Amino acid sequence: MGTNDTIIAMTAIVMGMLTLLIPITGLTARFALKPLMEALAKYRELQGQDQAQQLLERRMALLEEQLHGMDRSLRDLADESDFRRQLEGGRARQALPVSRIVAEPQPALAAEALLAER
């Protein structure tokens, strides 16, 4: 047998063995790696849920803050409305006191009136 025949025989043996070993290796890898891949997928899913939960918590906190701000604004508006109502309608405005000036006859006019009577 020559060198070429030896190489051909070795190639045939290796190819025949690979025909059986590749499926066996694949099945072994599938059974060995499946739990690992499922655990990794579950971890990523939980991590995604945690991020979604954090995002949801942030959104809820923002909504609560906006609600408190609106509540404060509403209270301020109610206080301002009450204040204006008290200013405008609290007590009726009193008119200025009317001065009761009695006209006293002035001496010059009184003298003229006496002269006119004569």
PDB file of N, CA and C in Angstrom:
ATOM      1  N   MET A   1       0.824  -1.158   0.000  1.00  0.00           N
ATOM      2  CA  MET A   1       0.000   0.000   0.000  1.00  0.00           C
ATOM      3  C   MET A   1       0.872   1.227   0.000  1.00  0.00           C
ATOM      4  N   GLY A   2       0.372   2.176  -0.776  1.00  0.00           N
ATOM      5  CA  GLY A   2       1.151   3.393  -0.882  1.00  0.00           C
ATOM      6  C   GLY A   2       0.613   4.465   0.055  1.00  0.00           C
ATOM      7  N   THR A   3       1.278   5.543  -0.014  1.00  0.00           N
ATOM      8  CA  THR A   3       0.926   6.673   0.838  1.00  0.00           C
ATOM      9  C   THR A   3      -0.469   7.192   0.501  1.00  0.00           C
ATOM     10  N   ASN A   4      -0.779   7.216  -0.778  1.00  0.00           N
ATOM     11  CA  ASN A   4      -2.099   7.699  -1.180  1.00  0.00           C
ATOM     12  C   ASN A   4      -3.191   6.781  -0.659  1.00  0.00           C
ATOM     13  N   ASP A   5      -2.950   5.514  -0.713  1.00  0.00           N
ATOM     14  CA  ASP A   5      -3.962   4.582  -0.227  1.00  0.00           C
ATOM     15  C   ASP A   5      -4.159   4.734   1.284  1.00  0.00           C
ATOM     16  N   THR A   6      -3.104   5.006   2.006  1.00  0.00           N
ATOM     17  CA  THR A   6      -3.189   5.194   3.454  1.00  0.00           C
ATOM     18  C   THR A   6      -3.999   6.459   3.777  1.00  0.00           C
ATOM     19  N   ILE A   7      -3.753   7.516   3.041  1.00  0.00           N
ATOM     20  CA  ILE A   7      -4.471   8.792   3.276  1.00  0.00           C
ATOM     21  C   ILE A   7      -5.953   8.612   2.964  1.00  0.00           C
ATOM     22  N   ILE A   8      -6.245   7.904   1.895  1.00  0.00           N
ATOM     23  CA  ILE A   8      -7.640   7.677   1.521  1.00  0.00           C
ATOM     24  C   ILE A   8      -8.329   6.834   2.591  1.00  0.00           C
ATOM     25  N   ALA A   9      -7.662   5.812   3.105  1.00  0.00           N
ATOM     26  CA  ALA A   9      -8.240   4.945   4.128  1.00  0.00           C
ATOM     27  C   ALA A   9      -8.479   5.734   5.424  1.00  0.00           C
ATOM     28  N   MET A  10      -7.517   6.557   5.798  1.00  0.00           N
ATOM     29  CA  MET A  10      -7.656   7.377   7.024  1.00  0.00           C
ATOM     30  C   MET A  10      -8.811   8.378   6.875  1.00  0.00           C
ATOM     31  N   THR A  11      -8.934   8.986   5.712  1.00  0.00           N
ATOM     32  CA  THR A  11     -10.012   9.944   5.457  1.00  0.00           C
ATOM     33  C   THR A  11     -11.363   9.242   5.536  1.00  0.00           C
ATOM     34  N   ALA A  12     -11.461   8.056   5.004  1.00  0.00           N
ATOM     35  CA  ALA A  12     -12.714   7.301   5.034  1.00  0.00           C
ATOM     36  C   ALA A  12     -13.082   6.941   6.468  1.00  0.00           C
ATOM     37  N   ILE A  13     -12.098   6.534   7.250  1.00  0.00           N
ATOM     38  CA  ILE A  13     -12.371   6.178   8.647  1.00  0.00           C
ATOM     39  C   ILE A  13     -12.829   7.413   9.434  1.00  0.00           C
ATOM     40  N   VAL A  14     -12.133   8.525   9.255  1.00  0.00           N
ATOM     41  CA  VAL A  14     -12.491   9.771   9.967  1.00  0.00           C
ATOM     42  C   VAL A  14     -13.879  10.234   9.541  1.00  0.00           C
ATOM     43  N   MET A  15     -14.176  10.201   8.260  1.00  0.00           N
ATOM     44  CA  MET A  15     -15.497  10.627   7.783  1.00  0.00           C
ATOM     45  C   MET A  15     -16.591   9.711   8.324  1.00  0.00           C
ATOM     46  N   GLY A  16     -16.349   8.447   8.369  1.00  0.00           N
ATOM     47  CA  GLY A  16     -17.323   7.507   8.911  1.00  0.00           C
ATOM     48  C   GLY A  16     -17.562   7.752  10.391  1.00  0.00           C
ATOM     49  N   MET A  17     -16.501   8.020  11.115  1.00  0.00           N
ATOM     50  CA  MET A  17     -16.643   8.297  12.550  1.00  0.00           C
ATOM     51  C   MET A  17     -17.370   9.627  12.780  1.00  0.00           C
ATOM     52  N   LEU A  18     -17.062  10.633  11.953  1.00  0.00           N
ATOM     53  CA  LEU A  18     -17.727  11.936  12.092  1.00  0.00           C
ATOM     54  C   LEU A  18     -19.219  11.826  11.803  1.00  0.00           C
ATOM     55  N   THR A  19     -19.576  10.923  10.902  1.00  0.00           N
ATOM     56  CA  THR A  19     -20.988  10.723  10.589  1.00  0.00           C
ATOM     57  C   THR A  19     -21.757  10.302  11.835  1.00  0.00           C
ATOM     58  N   LEU A  20     -21.136   9.545  12.683  1.00  0.00           N
ATOM     59  CA  LEU A  20     -21.784   9.123  13.924  1.00  0.00           C
ATOM     60  C   LEU A  20     -21.555  10.119  15.071  1.00  0.00           C
ATOM     61  N   LEU A  21     -20.376  10.714  15.114  1.00  0.00           N
ATOM     62  CA  LEU A  21     -20.030  11.579  16.249  1.00  0.00           C
ATOM     63  C   LEU A  21     -20.733  12.943  16.210  1.00  0.00           C
ATOM     64  N   ILE A  22     -20.988  13.473  15.033  1.00  0.00           N
ATOM     65  CA  ILE A  22     -21.629  14.798  14.947  1.00  0.00           C
ATOM     66  C   ILE A  22     -23.030  14.763  15.556  1.00  0.00           C
ATOM     67  N   PRO A  23     -23.908  13.819  15.201  1.00  0.00           N
ATOM     68  CA  PRO A  23     -25.223  13.802  15.859  1.00  0.00           C
ATOM     69  C   PRO A  23     -25.131  13.523  17.355  1.00  0.00           C
ATOM     70  N   ILE A  24     -24.215  12.645  17.748  1.00  0.00           N
ATOM     71  CA  ILE A  24     -24.061  12.350  19.174  1.00  0.00           C
ATOM     72  C   ILE A  24     -23.600  13.594  19.921  1.00  0.00           C
ATOM     73  N   THR A  25     -22.653  14.318  19.343  1.00  0.00           N
ATOM     74  CA  THR A  25     -22.167  15.559  19.959  1.00  0.00           C
ATOM     75  C   THR A  25     -23.294  16.595  20.032  1.00  0.00           C
ATOM     76  N   GLY A  26     -24.099  16.685  18.994  1.00  0.00           N
ATOM     77  CA  GLY A  26     -25.216  17.629  18.979  1.00  0.00           C
ATOM     78  C   GLY A  26     -26.239  17.324  20.051  1.00  0.00           C
ATOM     79  N   LEU A  27     -26.602  16.047  20.170  1.00  0.00           N
ATOM     80  CA  LEU A  27     -27.567  15.666  21.203  1.00  0.00           C
ATOM     81  C   LEU A  27     -27.012  15.902  22.600  1.00  0.00           C
ATOM     82  N   THR A  28     -25.742  15.571  22.783  1.00  0.00           N
ATOM     83  CA  THR A  28     -25.115  15.793  24.085  1.00  0.00           C
ATOM     84  C   THR A  28     -25.101  17.284  24.422  1.00  0.00           C
ATOM     85  N   ALA A  29     -24.733  18.097  23.444  1.00  0.00           N
ATOM     86  CA  ALA A  29     -24.689  19.545  23.671  1.00  0.00           C
ATOM     87  C   ALA A  29     -26.091  20.081  23.968  1.00  0.00           C
ATOM     88  N   ARG A  30     -27.087  19.550  23.245  1.00  0.00           N
ATOM     89  CA  ARG A  30     -28.455  20.023  23.474  1.00  0.00           C
ATOM     90  C   ARG A  30     -28.906  19.712  24.889  1.00  0.00           C
ATOM     91  N   PHE A  31     -28.683  18.494  25.334  1.00  0.00           N
ATOM     92  CA  PHE A  31     -29.106  18.115  26.682  1.00  0.00           C
ATOM     93  C   PHE A  31     -28.276  18.804  27.760  1.00  0.00           C
ATOM     94  N   ALA A  32     -27.029  19.086  27.466  1.00  0.00           N
ATOM     95  CA  ALA A  32     -26.172  19.732  28.464  1.00  0.00           C
ATOM     96  C   ALA A  32     -26.414  21.239  28.504  1.00  0.00           C
ATOM     97  N   LEU A  33     -26.617  21.843  27.336  1.00  0.00           N
ATOM     98  CA  LEU A  33     -26.728  23.300  27.270  1.00  0.00           C
ATOM     99  C   LEU A  33     -28.162  23.815  27.427  1.00  0.00           C
ATOM    100  N   LYS A  34     -29.159  22.946  27.229  1.00  0.00           N
ATOM    101  CA  LYS A  34     -30.546  23.397  27.318  1.00  0.00           C
ATOM    102  C   LYS A  34     -30.874  24.004  28.681  1.00  0.00           C
ATOM    103  N   PRO A  35     -30.557  23.355  29.797  1.00  0.00           N
ATOM    104  CA  PRO A  35     -30.856  23.990  31.093  1.00  0.00           C
ATOM    105  C   PRO A  35     -30.098  25.300  31.288  1.00  0.00           C
ATOM    106  N   LEU A  36     -28.871  25.337  30.799  1.00  0.00           N
ATOM    107  CA  LEU A  36     -28.077  26.561  30.920  1.00  0.00           C
ATOM    108  C   LEU A  36     -28.709  27.695  30.113  1.00  0.00           C
ATOM    109  N   MET A  37     -29.134  27.404  28.898  1.00  0.00           N
ATOM    110  CA  MET A  37     -29.741  28.431  28.050  1.00  0.00           C
ATOM    111  C   MET A  37     -31.104  28.869  28.606  1.00  0.00           C
ATOM    112  N   GLU A  38     -31.865  27.912  29.153  1.00  0.00           N
ATOM    113  CA  GLU A  38     -33.150  28.279  29.753  1.00  0.00           C
ATOM    114  C   GLU A  38     -32.944  29.179  30.969  1.00  0.00           C
ATOM    115  N   ALA A  39     -31.940  28.866  31.774  1.00  0.00           N
ATOM    116  CA  ALA A  39     -31.644  29.696  32.945  1.00  0.00           C
ATOM    117  C   ALA A  39     -31.206  31.091  32.513  1.00  0.00           C
ATOM    118  N   LEU A  40     -30.389  31.155  31.465  1.00  0.00           N
ATOM    119  CA  LEU A  40     -29.933  32.451  30.953  1.00  0.00           C
ATOM    120  C   LEU A  40     -31.116  33.246  30.393  1.00  0.00           C
ATOM    121  N   ALA A  41     -32.002  32.582  29.662  1.00  0.00           N
ATOM    122  CA  ALA A  41     -33.183  33.261  29.114  1.00  0.00           C
ATOM    123  C   ALA A  41     -34.091  33.757  30.236  1.00  0.00           C
ATOM    124  N   LYS A  42     -34.267  32.937  31.267  1.00  0.00           N
ATOM    125  CA  LYS A  42     -35.101  33.335  32.403  1.00  0.00           C
ATOM    126  C   LYS A  42     -34.493  34.533  33.132  1.00  0.00           C
ATOM    127  N   TYR A  43     -33.177  34.526  33.282  1.00  0.00           N
ATOM    128  CA  TYR A  43     -32.485  35.640  33.937  1.00  0.00           C
ATOM    129  C   TYR A  43     -32.696  36.928  33.147  1.00  0.00           C
ATOM    130  N   ARG A  44     -32.543  36.842  31.829  1.00  0.00           N
ATOM    131  CA  ARG A  44     -32.734  38.045  31.001  1.00  0.00           C
ATOM    132  C   ARG A  44     -34.185  38.522  31.045  1.00  0.00           C
ATOM    133  N   GLU A  45     -35.102  37.566  31.079  1.00  0.00           N
ATOM    134  CA  GLU A  45     -36.513  37.932  31.156  1.00  0.00           C
ATOM    135  C   GLU A  45     -36.818  38.638  32.472  1.00  0.00           C
ATOM    136  N   LEU A  46     -36.281  38.093  33.568  1.00  0.00           N
ATOM    137  CA  LEU A  46     -36.488  38.726  34.873  1.00  0.00           C
ATOM    138  C   LEU A  46     -35.831  40.093  34.928  1.00  0.00           C
ATOM    139  N   GLN A  47     -34.656  40.193  34.317  1.00  0.00           N
ATOM    140  CA  GLN A  47     -33.965  41.481  34.290  1.00  0.00           C
ATOM    141  C   GLN A  47     -34.795  42.489  33.497  1.00  0.00           C
ATOM    142  N   GLY A  48     -35.378  42.048  32.400  1.00  0.00           N
ATOM    143  CA  GLY A  48     -36.252  42.924  31.615  1.00  0.00           C
ATOM    144  C   GLY A  48     -37.479  43.331  32.404  1.00  0.00           C
ATOM    145  N   GLN A  49     -38.028  42.381  33.186  1.00  0.00           N
ATOM    146  CA  GLN A  49     -39.188  42.705  34.013  1.00  0.00           C
ATOM    147  C   GLN A  49     -38.811  43.690  35.107  1.00  0.00           C
ATOM    148  N   ASP A  50     -37.613  43.540  35.671  1.00  0.00           N
ATOM    149  CA  ASP A  50     -37.157  44.484  36.695  1.00  0.00           C
ATOM    150  C   ASP A  50     -37.033  45.885  36.108  1.00  0.00           C
ATOM    151  N   GLN A  51     -36.485  45.969  34.892  1.00  0.00           N
ATOM    152  CA  GLN A  51     -36.361  47.274  34.254  1.00  0.00           C
ATOM    153  C   GLN A  51     -37.743  47.850  33.958  1.00  0.00           C
ATOM    154  N   ALA A  52     -38.654  46.991  33.507  1.00  0.00           N
ATOM    155  CA  ALA A  52     -40.019  47.461  33.246  1.00  0.00           C
ATOM    156  C   ALA A  52     -40.675  47.911  34.550  1.00  0.00           C
ATOM    157  N   GLN A  53     -40.427  47.184  35.621  1.00  0.00           N
ATOM    158  CA  GLN A  53     -40.989  47.548  36.934  1.00  0.00           C
ATOM    159  C   GLN A  53     -40.421  48.892  37.392  1.00  0.00           C
ATOM    160  N   GLN A  54     -39.118  49.089  37.216  1.00  0.00           N
ATOM    161  CA  GLN A  54     -38.502  50.357  37.615  1.00  0.00           C
ATOM    162  C   GLN A  54     -39.066  51.504  36.791  1.00  0.00           C
ATOM    163  N   LEU A  55     -39.246  51.269  35.494  1.00  0.00           N
ATOM    164  CA  LEU A  55     -39.820  52.298  34.635  1.00  0.00           C
ATOM    165  C   LEU A  55     -41.247  52.622  35.072  1.00  0.00           C
ATOM    166  N   LEU A  56     -42.008  51.597  35.394  1.00  0.00           N
ATOM    167  CA  LEU A  56     -43.379  51.799  35.855  1.00  0.00           C
ATOM    168  C   LEU A  56     -43.411  52.556  37.181  1.00  0.00           C
ATOM    169  N   GLU A  57     -42.489  52.224  38.084  1.00  0.00           N
ATOM    170  CA  GLU A  57     -42.424  52.932  39.367  1.00  0.00           C
ATOM    171  C   GLU A  57     -42.069  54.397  39.161  1.00  0.00           C
ATOM    172  N   ARG A  58     -41.136  54.674  38.237  1.00  0.00           N
ATOM    173  CA  ARG A  58     -40.779  56.070  37.949  1.00  0.00           C
ATOM    174  C   ARG A  58     -41.979  56.825  37.397  1.00  0.00           C
ATOM    175  N   ARG A  59     -42.713  56.186  36.484  1.00  0.00           N
ATOM    176  CA  ARG A  59     -43.879  56.839  35.902  1.00  0.00           C
ATOM    177  C   ARG A  59     -44.936  57.117  36.967  1.00  0.00           C
ATOM    178  N   MET A  60     -45.150  56.158  37.866  1.00  0.00           N
ATOM    179  CA  MET A  60     -46.126  56.355  38.943  1.00  0.00           C
ATOM    180  C   MET A  60     -45.695  57.492  39.870  1.00  0.00           C
ATOM    181  N   ALA A  61     -44.400  57.556  40.177  1.00  0.00           N
ATOM    182  CA  ALA A  61     -43.901  58.632  41.038  1.00  0.00           C
ATOM    183  C   ALA A  61     -44.119  59.988  40.367  1.00  0.00           C
ATOM    184  N   LEU A  62     -43.878  60.052  39.061  1.00  0.00           N
ATOM    185  CA  LEU A  62     -44.085  61.300  38.333  1.00  0.00           C
ATOM    186  C   LEU A  62     -45.566  61.684  38.339  1.00  0.00           C
ATOM    187  N   LEU A  63     -46.438  60.715  38.129  1.00  0.00           N
ATOM    188  CA  LEU A  63     -47.877  60.998  38.168  1.00  0.00           C
ATOM    189  C   LEU A  63     -48.320  61.469  39.550  1.00  0.00           C
ATOM    190  N   GLU A  64     -47.788  60.840  40.601  1.00  0.00           N
ATOM    191  CA  GLU A  64     -48.129  61.271  41.958  1.00  0.00           C
ATOM    192  C   GLU A  64     -47.650  62.691  42.209  1.00  0.00           C
ATOM    193  N   GLU A  65     -46.453  63.016  41.733  1.00  0.00           N
ATOM    194  CA  GLU A  65     -45.919  64.370  41.909  1.00  0.00           C
ATOM    195  C   GLU A  65     -46.793  65.385  41.179  1.00  0.00           C
ATOM    196  N   GLN A  66     -47.217  65.050  39.963  1.00  0.00           N
ATOM    197  CA  GLN A  66     -48.093  65.954  39.223  1.00  0.00           C
ATOM    198  C   GLN A  66     -49.438  66.115  39.929  1.00  0.00           C
ATOM    199  N   LEU A  67     -49.959  65.030  40.478  1.00  0.00           N
ATOM    200  CA  LEU A  67     -51.228  65.093  41.197  1.00  0.00           C
ATOM    201  C   LEU A  67     -51.113  65.985  42.432  1.00  0.00           C
ATOM    202  N   HIS A  68     -50.010  65.859  43.172  1.00  0.00           N
ATOM    203  CA  HIS A  68     -49.810  66.716  44.341  1.00  0.00           C
ATOM    204  C   HIS A  68     -49.691  68.183  43.916  1.00  0.00           C
ATOM    205  N   GLY A  69     -49.007  68.446  42.808  1.00  0.00           N
ATOM    206  CA  GLY A  69     -48.888  69.808  42.308  1.00  0.00           C
ATOM    207  C   GLY A  69     -50.242  70.390  41.926  1.00  0.00           C
ATOM    208  N   MET A  70     -51.059  69.587  41.265  1.00  0.00           N
ATOM    209  CA  MET A  70     -52.393  70.054  40.892  1.00  0.00           C
ATOM    210  C   MET A  70     -53.251  70.289  42.131  1.00  0.00           C
ATOM    211  N   ASP A  71     -53.101  69.445  43.136  1.00  0.00           N
ATOM    212  CA  ASP A  71     -53.844  69.608  44.388  1.00  0.00           C
ATOM    213  C   ASP A  71     -53.447  70.914  45.071  1.00  0.00           C
ATOM    214  N   ARG A  72     -52.121  71.186  45.104  1.00  0.00           N
ATOM    215  CA  ARG A  72     -51.648  72.445  45.693  1.00  0.00           C
ATOM    216  C   ARG A  72     -52.209  73.643  44.936  1.00  0.00           C
ATOM    217  N   SER A  73     -52.182  73.580  43.602  1.00  0.00           N
ATOM    218  CA  SER A  73     -52.698  74.685  42.794  1.00  0.00           C
ATOM    219  C   SER A  73     -54.185  74.893  43.043  1.00  0.00           C
ATOM    220  N   LEU A  74     -54.926  73.807  43.162  1.00  0.00           N
ATOM    221  CA  LEU A  74     -56.359  73.907  43.415  1.00  0.00           C
ATOM    222  C   LEU A  74     -56.636  74.536  44.774  1.00  0.00           C
ATOM    223  N   ARG A  75     -55.851  74.149  45.784  1.00  0.00           N
ATOM    224  CA  ARG A  75     -56.019  74.751  47.109  1.00  0.00           C
ATOM    225  C   ARG A  75     -55.692  76.240  47.067  1.00  0.00           C
ATOM    226  N   ASP A  76     -54.621  76.609  46.345  1.00  0.00           N
ATOM    227  CA  ASP A  76     -54.259  78.023  46.231  1.00  0.00           C
ATOM    228  C   ASP A  76     -55.370  78.811  45.547  1.00  0.00           C
ATOM    229  N   LEU A  77     -55.957  78.237  44.490  1.00  0.00           N
ATOM    230  CA  LEU A  77     -57.050  78.922  43.801  1.00  0.00           C
ATOM    231  C   LEU A  77     -58.272  79.079  44.706  1.00  0.00           C
ATOM    232  N   ALA A  78     -58.569  78.059  45.485  1.00  0.00           N
ATOM    233  CA  ALA A  78     -59.707  78.150  46.406  1.00  0.00           C
ATOM    234  C   ALA A  78     -59.450  79.217  47.468  1.00  0.00           C
ATOM    235  N   ASP A  79     -58.231  79.259  48.000  1.00  0.00           N
ATOM    236  CA  ASP A  79     -57.898  80.285  48.992  1.00  0.00           C
ATOM    237  C   ASP A  79     -58.013  81.679  48.390  1.00  0.00           C
ATOM    238  N   GLU A  80     -57.518  81.844  47.172  1.00  0.00           N
ATOM    239  CA  GLU A  80     -57.588  83.147  46.522  1.00  0.00           C
ATOM    240  C   GLU A  80     -59.039  83.540  46.266  1.00  0.00           C
ATOM    241  N   SER A  81     -59.854  82.582  45.864  1.00  0.00           N
ATOM    242  CA  SER A  81     -61.273  82.855  45.621  1.00  0.00           C
ATOM    243  C   SER A  81     -61.969  83.277  46.910  1.00  0.00           C
ATOM    244  N   ASP A  82     -61.689  82.584  48.003  1.00  0.00           N
ATOM    245  CA  ASP A  82     -62.273  82.961  49.296  1.00  0.00           C
ATOM    246  C   ASP A  82     -61.830  84.359  49.709  1.00  0.00           C
ATOM    247  N   PHE A  83     -60.558  84.649  49.512  1.00  0.00           N
ATOM    248  CA  PHE A  83     -60.028  85.967  49.870  1.00  0.00           C
ATOM    249  C   PHE A  83     -60.719  87.059  49.068  1.00  0.00           C
ATOM    250  N   ARG A  84     -60.877  86.847  47.761  1.00  0.00           N
ATOM    251  CA  ARG A  84     -61.546  87.848  46.925  1.00  0.00           C
ATOM    252  C   ARG A  84     -63.011  88.017  47.333  1.00  0.00           C
ATOM    253  N   ARG A  85     -63.667  86.910  47.634  1.00  0.00           N
ATOM    254  CA  ARG A  85     -65.065  86.975  48.053  1.00  0.00           C
ATOM    255  C   ARG A  85     -65.192  87.783  49.337  1.00  0.00           C
ATOM    256  N   GLN A  86     -64.254  87.595  50.265  1.00  0.00           N
ATOM    257  CA  GLN A  86     -64.294  88.351  51.514  1.00  0.00           C
ATOM    258  C   GLN A  86     -64.045  89.830  51.260  1.00  0.00           C
ATOM    259  N   LEU A  87     -63.125  90.128  50.354  1.00  0.00           N
ATOM    260  CA  LEU A  87     -62.841  91.534  50.057  1.00  0.00           C
ATOM    261  C   LEU A  87     -64.029  92.218  49.390  1.00  0.00           C
ATOM    262  N   GLU A  88     -64.626  91.539  48.428  1.00  0.00           N
ATOM    263  CA  GLU A  88     -65.672  92.177  47.635  1.00  0.00           C
ATOM    264  C   GLU A  88     -67.034  92.190  48.329  1.00  0.00           C
ATOM    265  N   GLY A  89     -67.357  91.203  49.086  1.00  0.00           N
ATOM    266  CA  GLY A  89     -68.706  91.148  49.626  1.00  0.00           C
ATOM    267  C   GLY A  89     -68.759  91.033  51.127  1.00  0.00           C
ATOM    268  N   GLY A  90     -67.678  91.202  51.785  1.00  0.00           N
ATOM    269  CA  GLY A  90     -67.667  91.022  53.227  1.00  0.00           C
ATOM    270  C   GLY A  90     -68.544  92.023  53.937  1.00  0.00           C
ATOM    271  N   ARG A  91     -68.214  93.283  53.880  1.00  0.00           N
ATOM    272  CA  ARG A  91     -68.966  94.335  54.541  1.00  0.00           C
ATOM    273  C   ARG A  91     -69.375  95.334  53.473  1.00  0.00           C
ATOM    274  N   ALA A  92     -70.614  95.762  53.528  1.00  0.00           N
ATOM    275  CA  ALA A  92     -71.056  96.761  52.561  1.00  0.00           C
ATOM    276  C   ALA A  92     -70.302  98.053  52.837  1.00  0.00           C
ATOM    277  N   ARG A  93     -69.954  98.705  51.799  1.00  0.00           N
ATOM    278  CA  ARG A  93     -69.209  99.953  51.972  1.00  0.00           C
ATOM    279  C   ARG A  93     -70.139 101.007  52.560  1.00  0.00           C
ATOM    280  N   GLN A  94     -69.618 101.681  53.527  1.00  0.00           N
ATOM    281  CA  GLN A  94     -70.415 102.731  54.151  1.00  0.00           C
ATOM    282  C   GLN A  94     -70.189 104.025  53.386  1.00  0.00           C
ATOM    283  N   ALA A  95     -71.264 104.762  53.272  1.00  0.00           N
ATOM    284  CA  ALA A  95     -71.158 106.053  52.600  1.00  0.00           C
ATOM    285  C   ALA A  95     -70.426 107.021  53.517  1.00  0.00           C
ATOM    286  N   LEU A  96     -69.830 107.990  52.919  1.00  0.00           N
ATOM    287  CA  LEU A  96     -69.144 109.002  53.710  1.00  0.00           C
ATOM    288  C   LEU A  96     -70.174 109.761  54.543  1.00  0.00           C
ATOM    289  N   PRO A  97     -69.804 110.138  55.738  1.00  0.00           N
ATOM    290  CA  PRO A  97     -70.779 110.867  56.569  1.00  0.00           C
ATOM    291  C   PRO A  97     -71.115 112.217  55.937  1.00  0.00           C
ATOM    292  N   VAL A  98     -72.391 112.526  55.981  1.00  0.00           N
ATOM    293  CA  VAL A  98     -72.852 113.792  55.422  1.00  0.00           C
ATOM    294  C   VAL A  98     -72.636 114.867  56.475  1.00  0.00           C
ATOM    295  N   SER A  99     -72.003 115.928  56.069  1.00  0.00           N
ATOM    296  CA  SER A  99     -71.769 117.013  57.039  1.00  0.00           C
ATOM    297  C   SER A  99     -73.032 117.854  57.157  1.00  0.00           C
ATOM    298  N   ARG A 100     -73.410 118.104  58.351  1.00  0.00           N
ATOM    299  CA  ARG A 100     -74.614 118.898  58.598  1.00  0.00           C
ATOM    300  C   ARG A 100     -74.179 120.312  58.993  1.00  0.00           C
ATOM    301  N   ILE A 101     -73.890 121.022  57.994  1.00  0.00           N
ATOM    302  CA  ILE A 101     -73.468 122.401  58.226  1.00  0.00           C
ATOM    303  C   ILE A 101     -74.711 123.292  58.193  1.00  0.00           C
ATOM    304  N   VAL A 102     -74.912 123.948  59.266  1.00  0.00           N
ATOM    305  CA  VAL A 102     -76.041 124.878  59.356  1.00  0.00           C
ATOM    306  C   VAL A 102     -75.508 126.234  58.924  1.00  0.00           C
ATOM    307  N   ALA A 103     -76.166 126.772  57.994  1.00  0.00           N
ATOM    308  CA  ALA A 103     -75.712 128.067  57.492  1.00  0.00           C
ATOM    309  C   ALA A 103     -76.068 129.164  58.490  1.00  0.00           C
ATOM    310  N   GLU A 104     -75.056 129.715  59.037  1.00  0.00           N
ATOM    311  CA  GLU A 104     -75.261 130.831  59.959  1.00  0.00           C
ATOM    312  C   GLU A 104     -75.189 132.122  59.153  1.00  0.00           C
ATOM    313  N   PRO A 105     -76.035 133.019  59.459  1.00  0.00           N
ATOM    314  CA  PRO A 105     -75.984 134.274  58.700  1.00  0.00           C
ATOM    315  C   PRO A 105     -74.682 135.009  58.966  1.00  0.00           C
ATOM    316  N   GLN A 106     -74.112 135.425  57.918  1.00  0.00           N
ATOM    317  CA  GLN A 106     -72.866 136.157  58.056  1.00  0.00           C
ATOM    318  C   GLN A 106     -73.191 137.618  58.401  1.00  0.00           C
ATOM    319  N   PRO A 107     -72.296 138.229  59.144  1.00  0.00           N
ATOM    320  CA  PRO A 107     -72.619 139.594  59.598  1.00  0.00           C
ATOM    321  C   PRO A 107     -72.826 140.582  58.462  1.00  0.00           C
ATOM    322  N   ALA A 108     -72.095 140.472  57.395  1.00  0.00           N
ATOM    323  CA  ALA A 108     -72.254 141.435  56.307  1.00  0.00           C
ATOM    324  C   ALA A 108     -73.593 141.242  55.636  1.00  0.00           C
ATOM    325  N   LEU A 109     -73.988 139.998  55.447  1.00  0.00           N
ATOM    326  CA  LEU A 109     -75.273 139.717  54.812  1.00  0.00           C
ATOM    327  C   LEU A 109     -76.434 140.092  55.751  1.00  0.00           C
ATOM    328  N   ALA A 110     -76.206 139.894  57.019  1.00  0.00           N
ATOM    329  CA  ALA A 110     -77.257 140.251  57.980  1.00  0.00           C
ATOM    330  C   ALA A 110     -77.487 141.761  57.979  1.00  0.00           C
ATOM    331  N   ALA A 111     -76.424 142.501  57.858  1.00  0.00           N
ATOM    332  CA  ALA A 111     -76.568 143.960  57.837  1.00  0.00           C
ATOM    333  C   ALA A 111     -77.292 144.405  56.584  1.00  0.00           C
ATOM    334  N   GLU A 112     -77.014 143.796  55.491  1.00  0.00           N
ATOM    335  CA  GLU A 112     -77.684 144.145  54.238  1.00  0.00           C
ATOM    336  C   GLU A 112     -79.164 143.777  54.306  1.00  0.00           C
ATOM    337  N   ALA A 113     -79.451 142.656  54.946  1.00  0.00           N
ATOM    338  CA  ALA A 113     -80.842 142.233  55.071  1.00  0.00           C
ATOM    339  C   ALA A 113     -81.615 143.224  55.943  1.00  0.00           C
ATOM    340  N   LEU A 114     -80.998 143.744  56.989  1.00  0.00           N
ATOM    341  CA  LEU A 114     -81.662 144.714  57.849  1.00  0.00           C
ATOM    342  C   LEU A 114     -81.895 146.034  57.109  1.00  0.00           C
ATOM    343  N   LEU A 115     -80.961 146.411  56.303  1.00  0.00           N
ATOM    344  CA  LEU A 115     -81.109 147.651  55.539  1.00  0.00           C
ATOM    345  C   LEU A 115     -82.189 147.508  54.478  1.00  0.00           C
ATOM    346  N   ALA A 116     -82.293 146.335  53.940  1.00  0.00           N
ATOM    347  CA  ALA A 116     -83.283 146.111  52.895  1.00  0.00           C
ATOM    348  C   ALA A 116     -84.695 146.125  53.471  1.00  0.00           C
ATOM    349  N   GLU A 117     -84.861 145.772  54.719  1.00  0.00           N
ATOM    350  CA  GLU A 117     -86.172 145.742  55.342  1.00  0.00           C
ATOM    351  C   GLU A 117     -86.661 147.171  55.604  1.00  0.00           C
ATOM    352  N   ARG A 118     -85.847 148.086  55.729  1.00  0.00           N
ATOM    353  CA  ARG A 118     -86.253 149.443  56.066  1.00  0.00           C
ATOM    354  C   ARG A 118     -86.708 150.140  54.893  1.00  0.00           C
TER     355      ARG A 118
END
